[in-house]
C-alpha atoms as a PDB file:
ATOM      1  CA  MET A   1     -13.262   6.892 -22.714  1.00  0.00           C
ATOM      2  CA  ASP A   2     -10.729   4.352 -21.486  1.00  0.00           C
ATOM      3  CA  ILE A   3     -10.187   5.235 -17.821  1.00  0.00           C
ATOM      4  CA  ALA A   4      -6.772   3.580 -17.550  1.00  0.00           C
ATOM      5  CA  THR A   5      -5.355   5.568 -20.491  1.00  0.00           C
ATOM      6  CA  LEU A   6      -6.777   8.841 -19.224  1.00  0.00           C
ATOM      7  CA  LEU A   7      -5.569   8.117 -15.687  1.00  0.00           C
ATOM      8  CA  GLY A   8      -2.094   7.258 -16.943  1.00  0.00           C
ATOM      9  CA  LEU A   9      -1.801  10.484 -18.944  1.00  0.00           C
ATOM     10  CA  LEU A  10      -3.121  12.603 -16.082  1.00  0.00           C
ATOM     11  CA  CYS A  11      -0.841  10.934 -13.543  1.00  0.00           C
ATOM     12  CA  GLY A  12       2.186  11.285 -15.819  1.00  0.00           C
ATOM     13  CA  PHE A  13       1.690  14.983 -16.443  1.00  0.00           C
ATOM     14  CA  GLY A  14       0.414  15.604 -12.915  1.00  0.00           C
ATOM     15  CA  ILE A  15       3.487  14.144 -11.209  1.00  0.00           C
ATOM     16  CA  LEU A  16       5.802  16.106 -13.493  1.00  0.00           C
ATOM     17  CA  VAL A  17       3.921  19.375 -12.875  1.00  0.00           C
ATOM     18  CA  TRP A  18       4.019  18.715  -9.128  1.00  0.00           C
ATOM     19  CA  ALA A  19       7.747  17.976  -9.200  1.00  0.00           C
ATOM     20  CA  VAL A  20       8.483  21.094 -11.244  1.00  0.00           C
ATOM     21  CA  ALA A  21       6.266  23.342  -9.116  1.00  0.00           C
ATOM     22  CA  THR A  22       7.816  21.987  -5.901  1.00  0.00           C
ATOM     23  CA  GLY A  23      11.350  22.827  -6.944  1.00  0.00           C
ATOM     24  CA  GLY A  24      10.779  26.057  -8.799  1.00  0.00           C
ATOM     25  CA  SER A  25       8.535  27.945 -11.198  1.00  0.00           C
ATOM     26  CA  LEU A  26       6.460  26.357 -13.969  1.00  0.00           C
ATOM     27  CA  GLY A  27       7.354  29.300 -16.169  1.00  0.00           C
ATOM     28  CA  GLN A  28      10.970  28.147 -16.230  1.00  0.00           C
ATOM     29  CA  PHE A  29       9.869  25.007 -18.070  1.00  0.00           C
ATOM     30  CA  PHE A  30       7.910  26.744 -20.803  1.00  0.00           C
ATOM     31  CA  HIS A  31       9.831  27.843 -23.874  1.00  0.00           C
ATOM     32  CA  LEU A  32       7.796  28.182 -27.052  1.00  0.00           C
ATOM     33  CA  PRO A  33      10.668  27.876 -29.578  1.00  0.00           C
ATOM     34  CA  SER A  34      11.826  24.646 -27.911  1.00  0.00           C
ATOM     35  CA  LEU A  35       8.327  23.230 -27.995  1.00  0.00           C
ATOM     36  CA  ALA A  36       8.023  24.213 -31.655  1.00  0.00           C
ATOM     37  CA  ILE A  37      11.283  22.436 -32.492  1.00  0.00           C
ATOM     38  CA  VAL A  38      10.148  19.174 -30.871  1.00  0.00           C
ATOM     39  CA  LEU A  39       6.537  19.155 -32.084  1.00  0.00           C
ATOM     40  CA  GLY A  40       7.276  20.615 -35.525  1.00  0.00           C
ATOM     41  CA  GLY A  41      10.315  18.423 -36.051  1.00  0.00           C
ATOM     42  CA  THR A  42       8.467  15.278 -34.981  1.00  0.00           C
ATOM     43  CA  LEU A  43       5.565  16.058 -37.307  1.00  0.00           C
ATOM     44  CA  ALA A  44       7.966  16.780 -40.185  1.00  0.00           C
ATOM     45  CA  ALA A  45       9.802  13.487 -39.638  1.00  0.00           C
ATOM     46  CA  VAL A  46       6.536  11.539 -39.445  1.00  0.00           C
ATOM     47  CA  LEU A  47       5.363  13.180 -42.693  1.00  0.00           C
ATOM     48  CA  ALA A  48       8.657  12.284 -44.370  1.00  0.00           C
ATOM     49  CA  ASN A  49       8.499   8.709 -43.078  1.00  0.00           C
ATOM     50  CA  PHE A  50       4.856   7.818 -43.805  1.00  0.00           C
ATOM     51  CA  PRO A  51       2.408   8.459 -46.660  1.00  0.00           C
ATOM     52  CA  LEU A  52       0.138  11.457 -46.102  1.00  0.00           C
ATOM     53  CA  PRO A  53      -3.120   9.411 -45.921  1.00  0.00           C
ATOM     54  CA  ARG A  54      -1.690   7.418 -43.021  1.00  0.00           C
ATOM     55  CA  VAL A  55      -0.563  10.553 -41.192  1.00  0.00           C
ATOM     56  CA  ARG A  56      -4.037  12.022 -41.602  1.00  0.00           C
ATOM     57  CA  LYS A  57      -5.407   8.992 -39.769  1.00  0.00           C
ATOM     58  CA  MET A  58      -3.235   9.709 -36.728  1.00  0.00           C
ATOM     59  CA  SER A  59      -6.078  11.531 -34.965  1.00  0.00           C
ATOM     60  CA  ALA A  60      -8.316   8.526 -35.581  1.00  0.00           C
ATOM     61  CA  VAL A  61      -5.632   6.236 -34.130  1.00  0.00           C
ATOM     62  CA  VAL A  62      -5.358   8.345 -30.971  1.00  0.00           C
ATOM     63  CA  ARG A  63      -9.142   8.496 -30.722  1.00  0.00           C
ATOM     64  CA  LYS A  64      -9.307   4.709 -31.024  1.00  0.00           C
ATOM     65  CA  THR A  65      -6.862   4.406 -28.139  1.00  0.00           C
ATOM     66  CA  LEU A  66      -8.538   6.945 -25.853  1.00  0.00           C
ATOM     67  CA  PHE A  67     -12.194   6.225 -26.607  1.00  0.00           C
ATOM     68  CA  HIS A  68     -12.128   2.464 -27.067  1.00  0.00           C
ATOM     69  CA  ARG A  69     -15.464   0.837 -26.270  1.00  0.00           C
ATOM     70  CA  HIS A  70     -14.769  -2.328 -24.326  1.00  0.00           C
ATOM     71  CA  GLN A  71     -16.810  -5.345 -25.366  1.00  0.00           C
ATOM     72  CA  ASP A  72     -17.663  -7.848 -22.677  1.00  0.00           C
ATOM     73  CA  PRO A  73     -16.836 -11.347 -24.033  1.00  0.00           C
ATOM     74  CA  GLN A  74     -19.645 -12.819 -21.941  1.00  0.00           C
ATOM     75  CA  VAL A  75     -22.182 -10.653 -23.788  1.00  0.00           C
ATOM     76  CA  ILE A  76     -20.947 -12.067 -27.109  1.00  0.00           C
ATOM     77  CA  ILE A  77     -21.021 -15.605 -25.710  1.00  0.00           C
ATOM     78  CA  ASP A  78     -24.608 -15.140 -24.536  1.00  0.00           C
ATOM     79  CA  LYS A  79     -25.619 -13.882 -27.983  1.00  0.00           C
ATOM     80  CA  LEU A  80     -23.997 -16.825 -29.753  1.00  0.00           C
ATOM     81  CA  VAL A  81     -25.478 -19.358 -27.339  1.00  0.00           C
ATOM     82  CA  SER A  82     -28.919 -17.807 -27.876  1.00  0.00           C
ATOM     83  CA  CYS A  83     -28.391 -18.061 -31.630  1.00  0.00           C
ATOM     84  CA  ALA A  84     -27.339 -21.699 -31.247  1.00  0.00           C
ATOM     85  CA  GLU A  85     -30.541 -22.479 -29.339  1.00  0.00           C
ATOM     86  CA  ARG A  86     -32.754 -20.953 -32.030  1.00  0.00           C
ATOM     87  CA  ALA A  87     -30.769 -22.467 -34.906  1.00  0.00           C
ATOM     88  CA  ARG A  88     -30.925 -25.929 -33.347  1.00  0.00           C
ATOM     89  CA  LYS A  89     -34.662 -25.594 -32.801  1.00  0.00           C
ATOM     90  CA  ASP A  90     -35.817 -23.814 -35.992  1.00  0.00           C
ATOM     91  CA  GLY A  91     -32.865 -24.027 -38.392  1.00  0.00           C
ATOM     92  CA  MET A  92     -30.311 -21.454 -39.585  1.00  0.00           C
ATOM     93  CA  LEU A  93     -32.973 -19.336 -41.287  1.00  0.00           C
ATOM     94  CA  ALA A  94     -34.276 -18.459 -37.817  1.00  0.00           C
ATOM     95  CA  LEU A  95     -31.177 -16.272 -37.461  1.00  0.00           C
ATOM     96  CA  GLU A  96     -31.950 -14.153 -40.522  1.00  0.00           C
ATOM     97  CA  GLU A  97     -33.252 -11.263 -38.413  1.00  0.00           C
ATOM     98  CA  ASP A  98     -30.139 -11.343 -36.202  1.00  0.00           C
ATOM     99  CA  SER A  99     -27.953 -11.246 -39.315  1.00  0.00           C
ATOM    100  CA  GLU A 100     -29.532  -7.895 -40.204  1.00  0.00           C
ATOM    101  CA  THR A 101     -30.045  -6.246 -36.813  1.00  0.00           C
ATOM    102  CA  GLU A 102     -27.013  -7.349 -34.754  1.00  0.00           C
ATOM    103  CA  ARG A 103     -25.055  -4.252 -33.626  1.00  0.00           C
ATOM    104  CA  ASP A 104     -21.628  -5.878 -33.723  1.00  0.00           C
ATOM    105  CA  GLU A 105     -20.559  -5.558 -37.355  1.00  0.00           C
ATOM    106  CA  PHE A 106     -18.260  -8.591 -37.347  1.00  0.00           C
ATOM    107  CA  LEU A 107     -20.827 -10.871 -35.690  1.00  0.00           C
ATOM    108  CA  ARG A 108     -23.506  -9.577 -38.052  1.00  0.00           C
ATOM    109  CA  LYS A 109     -21.342 -10.437 -41.051  1.00  0.00           C
ATOM    110  CA  GLY A 110     -20.597 -13.920 -39.700  1.00  0.00           C
ATOM    111  CA  LEU A 111     -24.269 -14.655 -39.085  1.00  0.00           C
ATOM    112  CA  ARG A 112     -25.215 -13.353 -42.545  1.00  0.00           C
ATOM    113  CA  LEU A 113     -22.675 -15.653 -44.204  1.00  0.00           C
ATOM    114  CA  ALA A 114     -23.880 -18.602 -42.136  1.00  0.00           C
ATOM    115  CA  VAL A 115     -27.562 -17.936 -42.896  1.00  0.00           C
ATOM    116  CA  ASP A 116     -26.720 -17.692 -46.618  1.00  0.00           C
ATOM    117  CA  GLY A 117     -25.298 -21.217 -46.437  1.00  0.00           C
ATOM    118  CA  THR A 118     -21.690 -20.239 -47.121  1.00  0.00           C
ATOM    119  CA  ASP A 119     -19.247 -23.147 -47.051  1.00  0.00           C
ATOM    120  CA  PRO A 120     -17.616 -23.261 -43.573  1.00  0.00           C
ATOM    121  CA  GLN A 121     -14.078 -23.084 -44.982  1.00  0.00           C
ATOM    122  CA  LEU A 122     -14.965 -20.099 -47.162  1.00  0.00           C
ATOM    123  CA  LEU A 123     -16.760 -18.410 -44.244  1.00  0.00           C
ATOM    124  CA  GLU A 124     -13.721 -18.856 -42.030  1.00  0.00           C
ATOM    125  CA  LYS A 125     -11.399 -17.543 -44.766  1.00  0.00           C
ATOM    126  CA  ILE A 126     -13.529 -14.409 -45.317  1.00  0.00           C
ATOM    127  CA  LEU A 127     -13.663 -13.604 -41.608  1.00  0.00           C
ATOM    128  CA  ASP A 128      -9.963 -14.387 -41.131  1.00  0.00           C
ATOM    129  CA  THR A 129      -9.211 -11.884 -43.900  1.00  0.00           C
ATOM    130  CA  ASP A 130     -11.222  -9.272 -41.995  1.00  0.00           C
ATOM    131  CA  ILE A 131      -9.111  -9.975 -38.907  1.00  0.00           C
ATOM    132  CA  ALA A 132      -5.884  -9.719 -40.925  1.00  0.00           C
ATOM    133  CA  GLN A 133      -6.950  -6.321 -42.270  1.00  0.00           C
ATOM    134  CA  LEU A 134      -7.837  -5.146 -38.759  1.00  0.00           C
ATOM    135  CA  GLU A 135      -4.398  -6.197 -37.499  1.00  0.00           C
ATOM    136  CA  ALA A 136      -2.742  -4.416 -40.424  1.00  0.00           C
ATOM    137  CA  ARG A 137      -4.582  -1.158 -39.687  1.00  0.00           C
ATOM    138  CA  HIS A 138      -3.713  -1.304 -36.008  1.00  0.00           C
ATOM    139  CA  ARG A 139      -0.110  -2.219 -36.801  1.00  0.00           C
ATOM    140  CA  GLU A 140       0.204   0.842 -39.054  1.00  0.00           C
ATOM    141  CA  GLY A 141      -1.206   3.080 -36.338  1.00  0.00           C
ATOM    142  CA  ARG A 142       1.145   1.589 -33.765  1.00  0.00           C
ATOM    143  CA  LYS A 143       4.147   2.089 -36.050  1.00  0.00           C
ATOM    144  CA  LEU A 144       3.188   5.729 -36.538  1.00  0.00           C
ATOM    145  CA  LEU A 145       2.985   6.375 -32.797  1.00  0.00           C
ATOM    146  CA  GLU A 146       6.214   4.474 -32.151  1.00  0.00           C
ATOM    147  CA  ALA A 147       7.949   6.528 -34.850  1.00  0.00           C
ATOM    148  CA  ALA A 148       6.741   9.743 -33.200  1.00  0.00           C
ATOM    149  CA  GLY A 149       8.074   8.402 -29.895  1.00  0.00           C
ATOM    150  CA  MET A 150      11.444   7.784 -31.537  1.00  0.00           C
ATOM    151  CA  PHE A 151      11.671  11.151 -33.331  1.00  0.00           C
ATOM    152  CA  ALA A 152      10.591  13.367 -30.406  1.00  0.00           C
ATOM    153  CA  PRO A 153      13.705  12.751 -28.228  1.00  0.00           C
ATOM    154  CA  ALA A 154      15.925  13.117 -31.301  1.00  0.00           C
ATOM    155  CA  PHE A 155      14.524  16.553 -32.043  1.00  0.00           C
ATOM    156  CA  GLY A 156      14.850  17.360 -28.363  1.00  0.00           C
ATOM    157  CA  MET A 157      18.577  16.716 -28.701  1.00  0.00           C
ATOM    158  CA  ILE A 158      18.724  18.790 -31.893  1.00  0.00           C
ATOM    159  CA  GLY A 159      17.089  21.687 -30.041  1.00  0.00           C
ATOM    160  CA  THR A 160      19.579  21.285 -27.223  1.00  0.00           C
ATOM    161  CA  LEU A 161      22.484  21.428 -29.674  1.00  0.00           C
ATOM    162  CA  ILE A 162      21.047  24.597 -31.198  1.00  0.00           C
ATOM    163  CA  GLY A 163      20.807  26.124 -27.724  1.00  0.00           C
ATOM    164  CA  LEU A 164      24.364  25.079 -26.844  1.00  0.00           C
ATOM    165  CA  ILE A 165      25.744  26.584 -30.038  1.00  0.00           C
ATOM    166  CA  ARG A 166      24.019  29.865 -29.254  1.00  0.00           C
ATOM    167  CA  MET A 167      25.236  29.722 -25.666  1.00  0.00           C
ATOM    168  CA  LEU A 168      28.847  29.059 -26.675  1.00  0.00           C
ATOM    169  CA  SER A 169      28.721  32.015 -29.021  1.00  0.00           C
ATOM    170  CA  HIS A 170      28.293  34.208 -25.912  1.00  0.00           C
ATOM    171  CA  MET A 171      31.164  32.806 -23.847  1.00  0.00           C
ATOM    172  CA  ASP A 172      32.439  36.349 -23.396  1.00  0.00           C
ATOM    173  CA  ARG A 173      29.332  37.013 -21.266  1.00  0.00           C
ATOM    174  CA  PRO A 174      29.411  34.583 -18.287  1.00  0.00           C
ATOM    175  CA  GLU A 175      26.010  35.759 -17.031  1.00  0.00           C
ATOM    176  CA  MET A 176      24.422  34.271 -20.177  1.00  0.00           C
ATOM    177  CA  ILE A 177      25.824  30.758 -19.713  1.00  0.00           C
ATOM    178  CA  GLY A 178      23.474  29.576 -16.940  1.00  0.00           C
ATOM    179  CA  PRO A 179      20.186  30.765 -18.506  1.00  0.00           C
ATOM    180  CA  GLY A 180      21.371  29.624 -21.928  1.00  0.00           C
ATOM    181  CA  MET A 181      22.142  26.113 -20.672  1.00  0.00           C
ATOM    182  CA  SER A 182      18.733  25.956 -18.987  1.00  0.00           C
ATOM    183  CA  ILE A 183      16.894  26.844 -22.200  1.00  0.00           C
ATOM    184  CA  ALA A 184      19.054  24.443 -24.217  1.00  0.00           C
ATOM    185  CA  LEU A 185      18.074  21.516 -22.007  1.00  0.00           C
ATOM    186  CA  ILE A 186      14.355  22.259 -22.148  1.00  0.00           C
ATOM    187  CA  THR A 187      14.034  20.806 -25.648  1.00  0.00           C
ATOM    188  CA  THR A 188      15.503  17.503 -24.426  1.00  0.00           C
ATOM    189  CA  PHE A 189      12.938  17.590 -21.620  1.00  0.00           C
ATOM    190  CA  TYR A 190      10.087  18.157 -24.084  1.00  0.00           C
ATOM    191  CA  GLY A 191      11.242  15.337 -26.357  1.00  0.00           C
ATOM    192  CA  ALA A 192      11.575  12.826 -23.527  1.00  0.00           C
ATOM    193  CA  LEU A 193       8.239  13.922 -22.041  1.00  0.00           C
ATOM    194  CA  LEU A 194       6.229  13.552 -25.253  1.00  0.00           C
ATOM    195  CA  ALA A 195       7.872  10.238 -26.154  1.00  0.00           C
ATOM    196  CA  ASN A 196       7.532   8.525 -22.781  1.00  0.00           C
ATOM    197  CA  VAL A 197       4.267   9.986 -21.513  1.00  0.00           C
ATOM    198  CA  VAL A 198       2.272  10.293 -24.748  1.00  0.00           C
ATOM    199  CA  PHE A 199       3.476   8.571 -27.926  1.00  0.00           C
ATOM    200  CA  LEU A 200       4.994   5.297 -26.683  1.00  0.00           C
ATOM    201  CA  PRO A 201       2.315   4.575 -24.036  1.00  0.00           C
ATOM    202  CA  LEU A 202      -0.432   5.180 -26.621  1.00  0.00           C
ATOM    203  CA  ALA A 203       1.354   2.833 -29.044  1.00  0.00           C
ATOM    204  CA  GLY A 204       1.468   0.150 -26.352  1.00  0.00           C
ATOM    205  CA  LYS A 205      -2.187   0.636 -25.492  1.00  0.00           C
ATOM    206  CA  LEU A 206      -3.179   0.370 -29.164  1.00  0.00           C
ATOM    207  CA  GLY A 207      -1.286  -2.921 -29.360  1.00  0.00           C
ATOM    208  CA  ALA A 208      -3.168  -4.250 -26.333  1.00  0.00           C
ATOM    209  CA  ARG A 209      -6.492  -3.101 -27.810  1.00  0.00           C
ATOM    210  CA  SER A 210      -5.668  -4.869 -31.057  1.00  0.00           C
ATOM    211  CA  GLU A 211      -4.927  -8.146 -29.266  1.00  0.00           C
ATOM    212  CA  GLU A 212      -8.206  -7.952 -27.345  1.00  0.00           C
ATOM    213  CA  GLU A 213     -10.230  -7.243 -30.481  1.00  0.00           C
ATOM    214  CA  VAL A 214      -8.553 -10.004 -32.486  1.00  0.00           C
ATOM    215  CA  LEU A 215      -9.184 -12.550 -29.717  1.00  0.00           C
ATOM    216  CA  LEU A 216     -12.848 -11.532 -29.544  1.00  0.00           C
ATOM    217  CA  ARG A 217     -13.241 -11.883 -33.303  1.00  0.00           C
ATOM    218  CA  GLU A 218     -11.572 -15.299 -33.307  1.00  0.00           C
ATOM    219  CA  MET A 219     -14.073 -16.332 -30.642  1.00  0.00           C
ATOM    220  CA  ILE A 220     -16.936 -15.110 -32.838  1.00  0.00           C
ATOM    221  CA  ILE A 221     -15.641 -17.145 -35.790  1.00  0.00           C
ATOM    222  CA  ASP A 222     -15.544 -20.310 -33.685  1.00  0.00           C
ATOM    223  CA  GLY A 223     -19.027 -19.575 -32.372  1.00  0.00           C
ATOM    224  CA  VAL A 224     -20.546 -19.021 -35.816  1.00  0.00           C
ATOM    225  CA  LEU A 225     -18.888 -22.155 -37.206  1.00  0.00           C
ATOM    226  CA  ALA A 226     -20.157 -24.186 -34.235  1.00  0.00           C
ATOM    227  CA  ILE A 227     -23.682 -22.907 -34.803  1.00  0.00           C
ATOM    228  CA  GLN A 228     -23.464 -23.663 -38.510  1.00  0.00           C
ATOM    229  CA  SER A 229     -22.276 -27.218 -37.818  1.00  0.00           C
ATOM    230  CA  GLY A 230     -25.271 -27.808 -35.530  1.00  0.00           C
ATOM    231  CA  ASP A 231     -23.462 -28.033 -32.182  1.00  0.00           C
ATOM    232  CA  SER A 232     -25.643 -27.935 -29.090  1.00  0.00           C
ATOM    233  CA  PRO A 233     -25.851 -24.651 -27.162  1.00  0.00           C
ATOM    234  CA  ARG A 234     -23.952 -26.240 -24.268  1.00  0.00           C
ATOM    235  CA  ILE A 235     -21.072 -27.241 -26.559  1.00  0.00           C
ATOM    236  CA  VAL A 236     -21.044 -23.786 -28.140  1.00  0.00           C
ATOM    237  CA  ALA A 237     -20.834 -22.199 -24.694  1.00  0.00           C
ATOM    238  CA  GLU A 238     -17.968 -24.474 -23.617  1.00  0.00           C
ATOM    239  CA  LYS A 239     -16.034 -23.788 -26.819  1.00  0.00           C
ATOM    240  CA  LEU A 240     -16.354 -20.045 -26.379  1.00  0.00           C
ATOM    241  CA  ARG A 241     -15.581 -20.010 -22.668  1.00  0.00           C
ATOM    242  CA  SER A 242     -12.236 -21.602 -23.447  1.00  0.00           C
ATOM    243  CA  TYR A 243     -11.220 -18.167 -24.766  1.00  0.00           C
ATOM    244  CA  LEU A 244     -11.730 -16.614 -21.336  1.00  0.00           C
ATOM    245  CA  THR A 245      -9.046 -16.464 -18.680  1.00  0.00           C
ATOM    246  CA  PRO A 246      -9.336 -18.927 -15.751  1.00  0.00           C
ATOM    247  CA  ASP A 247     -10.248 -16.093 -13.371  1.00  0.00           C
ATOM    248  CA  VAL A 248     -13.111 -14.940 -15.582  1.00  0.00           C
ATOM    249  CA  ARG A 249     -14.336 -18.514 -16.041  1.00  0.00           C
ATOM    250  CA  ARG A 250     -14.353 -19.078 -12.282  1.00  0.00           C
ATOM    251  CA  ARG A 251     -16.239 -15.821 -11.742  1.00  0.00           C
ATOM    252  CA  LEU A 252     -18.861 -16.714 -14.324  1.00  0.00           C
ATOM    253  CA  GLU A 253     -19.217 -20.209 -12.899  1.00  0.00           C
ATOM    254  CA  GLY A 254     -19.742 -18.726  -9.441  1.00  0.00           C
ATOM    255  CA  GLU A 255     -22.422 -16.373 -10.788  1.00  0.00           C
ATOM    256  CA  ARG A 256     -24.109 -19.316 -12.528  1.00  0.00           C
ATOM    257  CA  GLU A 257     -24.167 -21.349  -9.317  1.00  0.00           C
ATOM    258  CA  GLN A 258     -25.657 -18.394  -7.427  1.00  0.00           C
ATOM    259  CA  ARG A 259     -28.431 -18.054 -10.022  1.00  0.00           C
ATOM    260  CA  LEU A 260     -29.212 -21.789  -9.779  1.00  0.00           C
ATOM    261  CA  HIS A 261     -29.236 -21.559  -5.976  1.00  0.00           C
ATOM    262  CA  ARG A 262     -31.661 -18.647  -6.040  1.00  0.00           C
ATOM    263  CA  ARG A 263     -33.960 -20.506  -8.434  1.00  0.00           C
ATOM    264  CA  ALA A 264     -33.920 -23.594  -6.222  1.00  0.00           C
ATOM    265  CA  ALA A 265     -34.776 -21.476  -3.188  1.00  0.00           C
END
């Protein structure tokens, strides 16, 4: 599970619960009809706005955001450099086993195409199409979450208007105005809470995940093409490290120097 996402959700709800409990009773902030208006209305609007198959994938989108498995770029670089060493020494066919056993599906596909002797331009086009489809899937998931984040506050306001209408219908009973206003505002609270603590943050996180995954796949394409063109392992490593941020490159260079120092000692 992604710790930052989980921590953000827990902190968001935790601070709100603390603030509510400090100033009053938690029970005052629970009203089942209001919650039903916001959640049911948001779901209804999402169903009306998107095809059913895409809505069914919403759980998968949330799961992708919460349980994303981070891939260390350096691990991928090490794999590609190792492949470059063997390909330069024994030819591309030496990578046939890697093209069948590699755990990363995208890297496995790239190696398989390279081992089969696919034209570099065609190989790059096939893998670029895979990336485009990945971006499209993530973009659809992000749009769905952003739509839910837009609809939730709107249905919160609708619930508030319903509560106000009911409250105004009892103006002849002043003792009902205060409690009625309180209940009317709860739906607005629910809508704002779900939009700004759940839906919109998850949409943003999915966008960040998509960018990371696309960058990693672009790095893999460059690595496979470099191997196929016969570049030396050192050149392959330098090409791939250019994808890393300066801080990461400096850290890796420091670790490399430490390893060389230990060997010399």
